Amino acid sequence: MHIHSEMHTRIHTGAALLW
C-alpha cells in the first residue's frame, strides 16, 4: 500500500516539468 508515494511521485514529476 503505497498510494501516498504515487501521489508524491506525480507531484514531483509535475514540479520537475513545471520547473
N, C-alpha and C. Protein backbone atom coordinates (compact mmCIF):
# COMPACT_ATOMS: atom_id res chain seq x y z
N MET A 1 0.85 -1.20 0.00
CA MET A 1 0.00 0.00 0.00
C MET A 1 0.89 1.24 0.00
N HIS A 2 1.11 1.79 -1.15
CA HIS A 2 1.94 2.99 -1.24
C HIS A 2 1.28 3.99 -2.19
N ILE A 3 0.03 4.32 -1.86
CA ILE A 3 -0.70 5.27 -2.71
C ILE A 3 -0.11 6.67 -2.53
N HIS A 4 0.22 7.00 -1.27
CA HIS A 4 0.78 8.32 -1.00
C HIS A 4 2.04 8.52 -1.82
N SER A 5 2.83 7.44 -1.95
CA SER A 5 4.08 7.52 -2.71
C SER A 5 3.76 7.89 -4.16
N GLU A 6 2.71 7.27 -4.71
CA GLU A 6 2.35 7.54 -6.10
C GLU A 6 2.01 9.03 -6.27
N MET A 7 1.22 9.54 -5.33
CA MET A 7 0.84 10.94 -5.40
C MET A 7 2.08 11.82 -5.32
N HIS A 8 2.98 11.46 -4.40
CA HIS A 8 4.20 12.23 -4.23
C HIS A 8 5.01 12.23 -5.52
N THR A 9 5.10 11.04 -6.15
CA THR A 9 5.85 10.93 -7.40
C THR A 9 5.21 11.80 -8.47
N ARG A 10 3.88 11.76 -8.53
CA ARG A 10 3.16 12.56 -9.53
C ARG A 10 3.46 14.04 -9.33
N ILE A 11 3.41 14.47 -8.06
CA ILE A 11 3.67 15.88 -7.76
C ILE A 11 5.11 16.23 -8.13
N HIS A 12 6.02 15.35 -7.78
CA HIS A 12 7.44 15.59 -8.07
C HIS A 12 7.65 15.70 -9.57
N THR A 13 7.01 14.80 -10.33
CA THR A 13 7.15 14.82 -11.78
C THR A 13 6.58 16.12 -12.33
N GLY A 14 5.39 16.49 -11.84
CA GLY A 14 4.76 17.72 -12.30
C GLY A 14 5.65 18.92 -11.99
N ALA A 15 6.20 18.95 -10.78
CA ALA A 15 7.07 20.05 -10.38
C ALA A 15 8.29 20.10 -11.30
N ALA A 16 8.86 18.95 -11.60
CA ALA A 16 10.04 18.89 -12.46
C ALA A 16 9.70 19.44 -13.84
N LEU A 17 8.51 19.09 -14.34
CA LEU A 17 8.10 19.55 -15.67
C LEU A 17 7.86 21.06 -15.64
N LEU A 18 7.26 21.52 -14.54
CA LEU A 18 6.98 22.95 -14.41
C LEU A 18 8.28 23.72 -14.21
N TRP A 19 9.17 23.12 -13.42
CA TRP A 19 10.44 23.76 -13.16
C TRP A 19 11.33 23.65 -14.39
